[in-house]
């Protein structure tokens, strides 16, 4: 999982300059830090692995469908 570089002190100072109290700014930064830390972001590797798995399923289904079609055609002949 990837992490995001985040200057919390700078963000607290910015919130305080916007009119929030130090306690409000700290609470907001802590909540945001928890949300960012708990989130899971898919990486390029994760997406490539998923693409490979989906491709395997599609090829497998296509082969099974082809087998069923051949079976039906042989039965009719």
PDB file of N, CA and C in Angstrom:
ATOM      1  N   UNK A   1       0.845  -1.175   0.000  1.00  0.00           N
ATOM      2  CA  UNK A   1       0.000   0.000   0.000  1.00  0.00           C
ATOM      3  C   UNK A   1       0.890   1.238   0.000  1.00  0.00           C
ATOM      4  N   UNK A   2       0.490   2.234  -0.716  1.00  0.00           N
ATOM      5  CA  UNK A   2       1.290   3.450  -0.801  1.00  0.00           C
ATOM      6  C   UNK A   2       0.878   4.427   0.299  1.00  0.00           C
ATOM      7  N   UNK A   3       1.790   5.322   0.652  1.00  0.00           N
ATOM      8  CA  UNK A   3       1.492   6.326   1.663  1.00  0.00           C
ATOM      9  C   UNK A   3       1.607   7.716   1.057  1.00  0.00           C
ATOM     10  N   UNK A   4       0.944   8.656   1.698  1.00  0.00           N
ATOM     11  CA  UNK A   4       0.933  10.031   1.210  1.00  0.00           C
ATOM     12  C   UNK A   4       1.742  10.887   2.180  1.00  0.00           C
ATOM     13  N   UNK A   5       2.696  11.643   1.661  1.00  0.00           N
ATOM     14  CA  UNK A   5       3.463  12.566   2.494  1.00  0.00           C
ATOM     15  C   UNK A   5       2.580  13.765   2.810  1.00  0.00           C
ATOM     16  N   UNK A   6       2.466  14.088   4.095  1.00  0.00           N
ATOM     17  CA  UNK A   6       1.531  15.125   4.520  1.00  0.00           C
ATOM     18  C   UNK A   6       2.115  15.886   5.695  1.00  0.00           C
ATOM     19  N   UNK A   7       2.292  17.184   5.529  1.00  0.00           N
ATOM     20  CA  UNK A   7       2.843  18.033   6.585  1.00  0.00           C
ATOM     21  C   UNK A   7       1.698  18.477   7.497  1.00  0.00           C
ATOM     22  N   UNK A   8       1.506  17.767   8.606  1.00  0.00           N
ATOM     23  CA  UNK A   8       0.377  18.063   9.499  1.00  0.00           C
ATOM     24  C   UNK A   8       0.549  19.414  10.197  1.00  0.00           C
ATOM     25  N   UNK A   9       1.769  19.739  10.556  1.00  0.00           N
ATOM     26  CA  UNK A   9       1.990  21.014  11.250  1.00  0.00           C
ATOM     27  C   UNK A   9       1.606  22.195  10.357  1.00  0.00           C
ATOM     28  N   UNK A  10       2.013  22.122   9.110  1.00  0.00           N
ATOM     29  CA  UNK A  10       1.682  23.194   8.162  1.00  0.00           C
ATOM     30  C   UNK A  10       0.166  23.292   7.976  1.00  0.00           C
ATOM     31  N   UNK A  11      -0.506  22.134   7.919  1.00  0.00           N
ATOM     32  CA  UNK A  11      -1.955  22.127   7.741  1.00  0.00           C
ATOM     33  C   UNK A  11      -2.660  22.699   8.966  1.00  0.00           C
ATOM     34  N   UNK A  12      -2.182  22.376  10.158  1.00  0.00           N
ATOM     35  CA  UNK A  12      -2.765  22.935  11.390  1.00  0.00           C
ATOM     36  C   UNK A  12      -2.616  24.451  11.384  1.00  0.00           C
ATOM     37  N   UNK A  13      -1.449  24.939  11.038  1.00  0.00           N
ATOM     38  CA  UNK A  13      -1.218  26.394  10.993  1.00  0.00           C
ATOM     39  C   UNK A  13      -2.136  27.059   9.968  1.00  0.00           C
ATOM     40  N   UNK A  14      -2.334  26.404   8.830  1.00  0.00           N
ATOM     41  CA  UNK A  14      -3.213  26.965   7.794  1.00  0.00           C
ATOM     42  C   UNK A  14      -4.658  27.033   8.283  1.00  0.00           C
ATOM     43  N   UNK A  15      -5.103  25.972   8.967  1.00  0.00           N
ATOM     44  CA  UNK A  15      -6.473  25.971   9.502  1.00  0.00           C
ATOM     45  C   UNK A  15      -6.641  27.051  10.569  1.00  0.00           C
ATOM     46  N   UNK A  16      -5.623  27.225  11.395  1.00  0.00           N
ATOM     47  CA  UNK A  16      -5.687  28.258  12.428  1.00  0.00           C
ATOM     48  C   UNK A  16      -5.731  29.648  11.810  1.00  0.00           C
ATOM     49  N   UNK A  17      -4.989  29.836  10.731  1.00  0.00           N
ATOM     50  CA  UNK A  17      -5.009  31.147  10.081  1.00  0.00           C
ATOM     51  C   UNK A  17      -6.351  31.409   9.397  1.00  0.00           C
ATOM     52  N   UNK A  18      -7.120  30.341   9.174  1.00  0.00           N
ATOM     53  CA  UNK A  18      -8.454  30.477   8.582  1.00  0.00           C
ATOM     54  C   UNK A  18      -9.520  30.750   9.625  1.00  0.00           C
ATOM     55  N   UNK A  19      -9.136  30.723  10.895  1.00  0.00           N
ATOM     56  CA  UNK A  19     -10.072  31.063  11.942  1.00  0.00           C
ATOM     57  C   UNK A  19     -10.451  29.930  12.884  1.00  0.00           C
ATOM     58  N   UNK A  20      -9.917  28.744  12.680  1.00  0.00           N
ATOM     59  CA  UNK A  20     -10.210  27.646  13.594  1.00  0.00           C
ATOM     60  C   UNK A  20      -9.351  27.776  14.847  1.00  0.00           C
ATOM     61  N   UNK A  21      -9.870  27.271  15.944  1.00  0.00           N
ATOM     62  CA  UNK A  21      -9.071  27.250  17.168  1.00  0.00           C
ATOM     63  C   UNK A  21      -8.015  26.153  17.028  1.00  0.00           C
ATOM     64  N   UNK A  22      -6.953  26.231  17.823  1.00  0.00           N
ATOM     65  CA  UNK A  22      -5.936  25.174  17.756  1.00  0.00           C
ATOM     66  C   UNK A  22      -6.510  23.776  17.997  1.00  0.00           C
ATOM     67  N   UNK A  23      -7.477  23.687  18.930  1.00  0.00           N
ATOM     68  CA  UNK A  23      -8.088  22.388  19.226  1.00  0.00           C
ATOM     69  C   UNK A  23      -8.878  21.868  18.023  1.00  0.00           C
ATOM     70  N   UNK A  24      -9.623  22.754  17.359  1.00  0.00           N
ATOM     71  CA  UNK A  24     -10.389  22.348  16.184  1.00  0.00           C
ATOM     72  C   UNK A  24      -9.458  21.913  15.050  1.00  0.00           C
ATOM     73  N   UNK A  25      -8.410  22.691  14.861  1.00  0.00           N
ATOM     74  CA  UNK A  25      -7.460  22.377  13.791  1.00  0.00           C
ATOM     75  C   UNK A  25      -6.790  21.037  14.041  1.00  0.00           C
ATOM     76  N   UNK A  26      -6.358  20.796  15.280  1.00  0.00           N
ATOM     77  CA  UNK A  26      -5.716  19.524  15.625  1.00  0.00           C
ATOM     78  C   UNK A  26      -6.682  18.356  15.420  1.00  0.00           C
ATOM     79  N   UNK A  27      -7.936  18.528  15.856  1.00  0.00           N
ATOM     80  CA  UNK A  27      -8.924  17.458  15.713  1.00  0.00           C
ATOM     81  C   UNK A  27      -9.187  17.148  14.241  1.00  0.00           C
ATOM     82  N   UNK A  28      -9.282  18.180  13.429  1.00  0.00           N
ATOM     83  CA  UNK A  28      -9.522  17.989  11.998  1.00  0.00           C
ATOM     84  C   UNK A  28      -8.341  17.285  11.335  1.00  0.00           C
ATOM     85  N   UNK A  29      -7.138  17.677  11.681  1.00  0.00           N
ATOM     86  CA  UNK A  29      -5.950  17.046  11.115  1.00  0.00           C
ATOM     87  C   UNK A  29      -5.863  15.586  11.555  1.00  0.00           C
ATOM     88  N   UNK A  30      -6.159  15.306  12.822  1.00  0.00           N
ATOM     89  CA  UNK A  30      -6.127  13.917  13.302  1.00  0.00           C
ATOM     90  C   UNK A  30      -7.158  13.065  12.571  1.00  0.00           C
ATOM     91  N   UNK A  31      -8.357  13.598  12.376  1.00  0.00           N
ATOM     92  CA  UNK A  31      -9.400  12.854  11.663  1.00  0.00           C
ATOM     93  C   UNK A  31      -8.988  12.600  10.219  1.00  0.00           C
ATOM     94  N   UNK A  32      -8.415  13.593   9.579  1.00  0.00           N
ATOM     95  CA  UNK A  32      -7.976  13.439   8.195  1.00  0.00           C
ATOM     96  C   UNK A  32      -6.835  12.433   8.098  1.00  0.00           C
ATOM     97  N   UNK A  33      -5.907  12.502   9.038  1.00  0.00           N
ATOM     98  CA  UNK A  33      -4.778  11.567   9.045  1.00  0.00           C
ATOM     99  C   UNK A  33      -5.274  10.132   9.225  1.00  0.00           C
ATOM    100  N   UNK A  34      -6.252   9.922  10.107  1.00  0.00           N
ATOM    101  CA  UNK A  34      -6.823   8.587  10.300  1.00  0.00           C
ATOM    102  C   UNK A  34      -7.517   8.098   9.035  1.00  0.00           C
ATOM    103  N   UNK A  35      -8.254   8.976   8.383  1.00  0.00           N
ATOM    104  CA  UNK A  35      -8.972   8.588   7.159  1.00  0.00           C
ATOM    105  C   UNK A  35      -8.000   8.209   6.051  1.00  0.00           C
ATOM    106  N   UNK A  36      -6.933   8.959   5.910  1.00  0.00           N
ATOM    107  CA  UNK A  36      -5.949   8.679   4.863  1.00  0.00           C
ATOM    108  C   UNK A  36      -5.177   7.405   5.187  1.00  0.00           C
ATOM    109  N   UNK A  37      -4.856   7.189   6.446  1.00  0.00           N
ATOM    110  CA  UNK A  37      -4.114   6.006   6.866  1.00  0.00           C
ATOM    111  C   UNK A  37      -4.943   4.741   6.695  1.00  0.00           C
ATOM    112  N   UNK A  38      -6.238   4.822   6.988  1.00  0.00           N
ATOM    113  CA  UNK A  38      -7.106   3.650   6.912  1.00  0.00           C
ATOM    114  C   UNK A  38      -7.541   3.312   5.494  1.00  0.00           C
ATOM    115  N   UNK A  39      -7.396   4.240   4.562  1.00  0.00           N
ATOM    116  CA  UNK A  39      -7.851   3.976   3.198  1.00  0.00           C
ATOM    117  C   UNK A  39      -6.847   3.083   2.476  1.00  0.00           C
ATOM    118  N   UNK A  40      -7.378   2.266   1.575  1.00  0.00           N
ATOM    119  CA  UNK A  40      -6.527   1.399   0.777  1.00  0.00           C
ATOM    120  C   UNK A  40      -6.661   1.810  -0.679  1.00  0.00           C
ATOM    121  N   UNK A  41      -5.537   2.078  -1.289  1.00  0.00           N
ATOM    122  CA  UNK A  41      -5.510   2.535  -2.670  1.00  0.00           C
ATOM    123  C   UNK A  41      -4.900   1.432  -3.529  1.00  0.00           C
ATOM    124  N   UNK A  42      -5.550   1.135  -4.646  1.00  0.00           N
ATOM    125  CA  UNK A  42      -5.022   0.122  -5.552  1.00  0.00           C
ATOM    126  C   UNK A  42      -3.794   0.666  -6.276  1.00  0.00           C
ATOM    127  N   UNK A  43      -2.774  -0.149  -6.342  1.00  0.00           N
ATOM    128  CA  UNK A  43      -1.557   0.234  -7.060  1.00  0.00           C
ATOM    129  C   UNK A  43      -1.633  -0.266  -8.501  1.00  0.00           C
ATOM    130  N   UNK A  44      -0.693   0.155  -9.312  1.00  0.00           N
ATOM    131  CA  UNK A  44      -0.635  -0.330 -10.694  1.00  0.00           C
ATOM    132  C   UNK A  44      -0.452  -1.843 -10.716  1.00  0.00           C
ATOM    133  N   UNK A  45       0.323  -2.348  -9.792  1.00  0.00           N
ATOM    134  CA  UNK A  45       0.536  -3.796  -9.708  1.00  0.00           C
ATOM    135  C   UNK A  45      -0.779  -4.513  -9.386  1.00  0.00           C
ATOM    136  N   UNK A  46      -1.562  -3.971  -8.459  1.00  0.00           N
ATOM    137  CA  UNK A  46      -2.860  -4.564  -8.115  1.00  0.00           C
ATOM    138  C   UNK A  46      -3.771  -4.612  -9.333  1.00  0.00           C
ATOM    139  N   UNK A  47      -3.809  -3.526 -10.091  1.00  0.00           N
ATOM    140  CA  UNK A  47      -4.668  -3.469 -11.276  1.00  0.00           C
ATOM    141  C   UNK A  47      -4.190  -4.422 -12.358  1.00  0.00           C
ATOM    142  N   UNK A  48      -2.879  -4.542 -12.532  1.00  0.00           N
ATOM    143  CA  UNK A  48      -2.345  -5.469 -13.534  1.00  0.00           C
ATOM    144  C   UNK A  48      -2.673  -6.911 -13.151  1.00  0.00           C
ATOM    145  N   UNK A  49      -2.578  -7.213 -11.867  1.00  0.00           N
ATOM    146  CA  UNK A  49      -2.909  -8.563 -11.394  1.00  0.00           C
ATOM    147  C   UNK A  49      -4.394  -8.863 -11.611  1.00  0.00           C
ATOM    148  N   UNK A  50      -5.243  -7.894 -11.342  1.00  0.00           N
ATOM    149  CA  UNK A  50      -6.674  -8.060 -11.564  1.00  0.00           C
ATOM    150  C   UNK A  50      -6.976  -8.254 -13.047  1.00  0.00           C
ATOM    151  N   UNK A  51      -6.299  -7.483 -13.883  1.00  0.00           N
ATOM    152  CA  UNK A  51      -6.488  -7.606 -15.328  1.00  0.00           C
ATOM    153  C   UNK A  51      -6.113  -9.014 -15.801  1.00  0.00           C
ATOM    154  N   UNK A  52      -5.029  -9.547 -15.288  1.00  0.00           N
ATOM    155  CA  UNK A  52      -4.593 -10.891 -15.638  1.00  0.00           C
ATOM    156  C   UNK A  52      -5.623 -11.930 -15.190  1.00  0.00           C
ATOM    157  N   UNK A  53      -6.134 -11.792 -13.980  1.00  0.00           N
ATOM    158  CA  UNK A  53      -7.151 -12.728 -13.476  1.00  0.00           C
ATOM    159  C   UNK A  53      -8.422 -12.671 -14.307  1.00  0.00           C
ATOM    160  N   UNK A  54      -8.850 -11.479 -14.669  1.00  0.00           N
ATOM    161  CA  UNK A  54     -10.050 -11.336 -15.496  1.00  0.00           C
ATOM    162  C   UNK A  54      -9.842 -11.943 -16.877  1.00  0.00           C
ATOM    163  N   UNK A  55      -8.661 -11.744 -17.434  1.00  0.00           N
ATOM    164  CA  UNK A  55      -8.353 -12.311 -18.746  1.00  0.00           C
ATOM    165  C   UNK A  55      -8.398 -13.837 -18.700  1.00  0.00           C
ATOM    166  N   UNK A  56      -7.860 -14.432 -17.609  1.00  0.00           N
ATOM    167  CA  UNK A  56      -7.926 -15.880 -17.459  1.00  0.00           C
ATOM    168  C   UNK A  56      -9.378 -16.362 -17.419  1.00  0.00           C
ATOM    169  N   UNK A  57     -10.231 -15.662 -16.677  1.00  0.00           N
ATOM    170  CA  UNK A  57     -11.640 -16.034 -16.594  1.00  0.00           C
ATOM    171  C   UNK A  57     -12.315 -15.928 -17.962  1.00  0.00           C
ATOM    172  N   UNK A  58     -12.061 -14.863 -18.679  1.00  0.00           N
ATOM    173  CA  UNK A  58     -12.700 -14.659 -19.985  1.00  0.00           C
ATOM    174  C   UNK A  58     -12.274 -15.752 -20.966  1.00  0.00           C
ATOM    175  N   UNK A  59     -10.985 -16.075 -20.990  1.00  0.00           N
ATOM    176  CA  UNK A  59     -10.493 -17.121 -21.882  1.00  0.00           C
ATOM    177  C   UNK A  59     -11.095 -18.472 -21.480  1.00  0.00           C
ATOM    178  N   UNK A  60     -11.152 -18.725 -20.192  1.00  0.00           N
ATOM    179  CA  UNK A  60     -11.744 -19.978 -19.719  1.00  0.00           C
ATOM    180  C   UNK A  60     -13.206 -20.102 -20.096  1.00  0.00           C
ATOM    181  N   UNK A  61     -13.954 -19.028 -19.923  1.00  0.00           N
ATOM    182  CA  UNK A  61     -15.371 -19.047 -20.304  1.00  0.00           C
ATOM    183  C   UNK A  61     -15.549 -19.208 -21.803  1.00  0.00           C
ATOM    184  N   UNK A  62     -14.706 -18.559 -22.582  1.00  0.00           N
ATOM    185  CA  UNK A  62     -14.792 -18.678 -24.037  1.00  0.00           C
ATOM    186  C   UNK A  62     -14.508 -20.115 -24.472  1.00  0.00           C
ATOM    187  N   UNK A  63     -13.500 -20.747 -23.861  1.00  0.00           N
ATOM    188  CA  UNK A  63     -13.190 -22.140 -24.198  1.00  0.00           C
ATOM    189  C   UNK A  63     -14.328 -23.072 -23.796  1.00  0.00           C
ATOM    190  N   UNK A  64     -14.912 -22.837 -22.639  1.00  0.00           N
ATOM    191  CA  UNK A  64     -16.040 -23.663 -22.205  1.00  0.00           C
ATOM    192  C   UNK A  64     -17.219 -23.487 -23.146  1.00  0.00           C
ATOM    193  N   UNK A  65     -17.489 -22.280 -23.540  1.00  0.00           N
ATOM    194  CA  UNK A  65     -18.581 -22.007 -24.468  1.00  0.00           C
ATOM    195  C   UNK A  65     -18.321 -22.681 -25.814  1.00  0.00           C
ATOM    196  N   UNK A  66     -17.097 -22.641 -26.271  1.00  0.00           N
ATOM    197  CA  UNK A  66     -16.722 -23.295 -27.524  1.00  0.00           C
ATOM    198  C   UNK A  66     -16.910 -24.807 -27.410  1.00  0.00           C
ATOM    199  N   UNK A  67     -16.540 -25.372 -26.268  1.00  0.00           N
ATOM    200  CA  UNK A  67     -16.718 -26.808 -26.041  1.00  0.00           C
ATOM    201  C   UNK A  67     -18.177 -27.209 -26.063  1.00  0.00           C
ATOM    202  N   UNK A  68     -19.029 -26.407 -25.429  1.00  0.00           N
ATOM    203  CA  UNK A  68     -20.468 -26.681 -25.439  1.00  0.00           C
ATOM    204  C   UNK A  68     -20.998 -26.608 -26.860  1.00  0.00           C
ATOM    205  N   UNK A  69     -20.588 -25.622 -27.615  1.00  0.00           N
ATOM    206  CA  UNK A  69     -21.040 -25.474 -28.992  1.00  0.00           C
ATOM    207  C   UNK A  69     -20.618 -26.680 -29.845  1.00  0.00           C
ATOM    208  N   UNK A  70     -19.371 -27.122 -29.675  1.00  0.00           N
ATOM    209  CA  UNK A  70     -18.888 -28.295 -30.416  1.00  0.00           C
ATOM    210  C   UNK A  70     -19.711 -29.525 -30.029  1.00  0.00           C
ATOM    211  N   UNK A  71     -19.996 -29.660 -28.742  1.00  0.00           N
ATOM    212  CA  UNK A  71     -20.800 -30.792 -28.262  1.00  0.00           C
ATOM    213  C   UNK A  71     -22.186 -30.795 -28.885  1.00  0.00           C
ATOM    214  N   UNK A  72     -22.799 -29.644 -28.964  1.00  0.00           N
ATOM    215  CA  UNK A  72     -24.146 -29.538 -29.552  1.00  0.00           C
ATOM    216  C   UNK A  72     -24.083 -29.862 -31.041  1.00  0.00           C
ATOM    217  N   UNK A  73     -23.100 -29.332 -31.740  1.00  0.00           N
ATOM    218  CA  UNK A  73     -22.967 -29.593 -33.175  1.00  0.00           C
ATOM    219  C   UNK A  73     -22.705 -31.054 -33.467  1.00  0.00           C
ATOM    220  N   UNK A  74     -21.899 -31.724 -32.638  1.00  0.00           N
ATOM    221  CA  UNK A  74     -21.616 -33.143 -32.835  1.00  0.00           C
ATOM    222  C   UNK A  74     -22.861 -33.990 -32.562  1.00  0.00           C
ATOM    223  N   UNK A  75     -23.630 -33.574 -31.615  1.00  0.00           N
ATOM    224  CA  UNK A  75     -24.856 -34.314 -31.258  1.00  0.00           C
ATOM    225  C   UNK A  75     -25.897 -34.195 -32.386  1.00  0.00           C
ATOM    226  N   UNK A  76     -25.940 -33.030 -33.022  1.00  0.00           N
ATOM    227  CA  UNK A  76     -26.901 -32.807 -34.120  1.00  0.00           C
ATOM    228  C   UNK A  76     -26.482 -33.531 -35.399  1.00  0.00           C
ATOM    229  N   UNK A  77     -25.215 -33.790 -35.542  1.00  0.00           N
ATOM    230  CA  UNK A  77     -24.719 -34.392 -36.789  1.00  0.00           C
ATOM    231  C   UNK A  77     -24.947 -35.881 -36.872  1.00  0.00           C
TER     232      UNK A  77
END
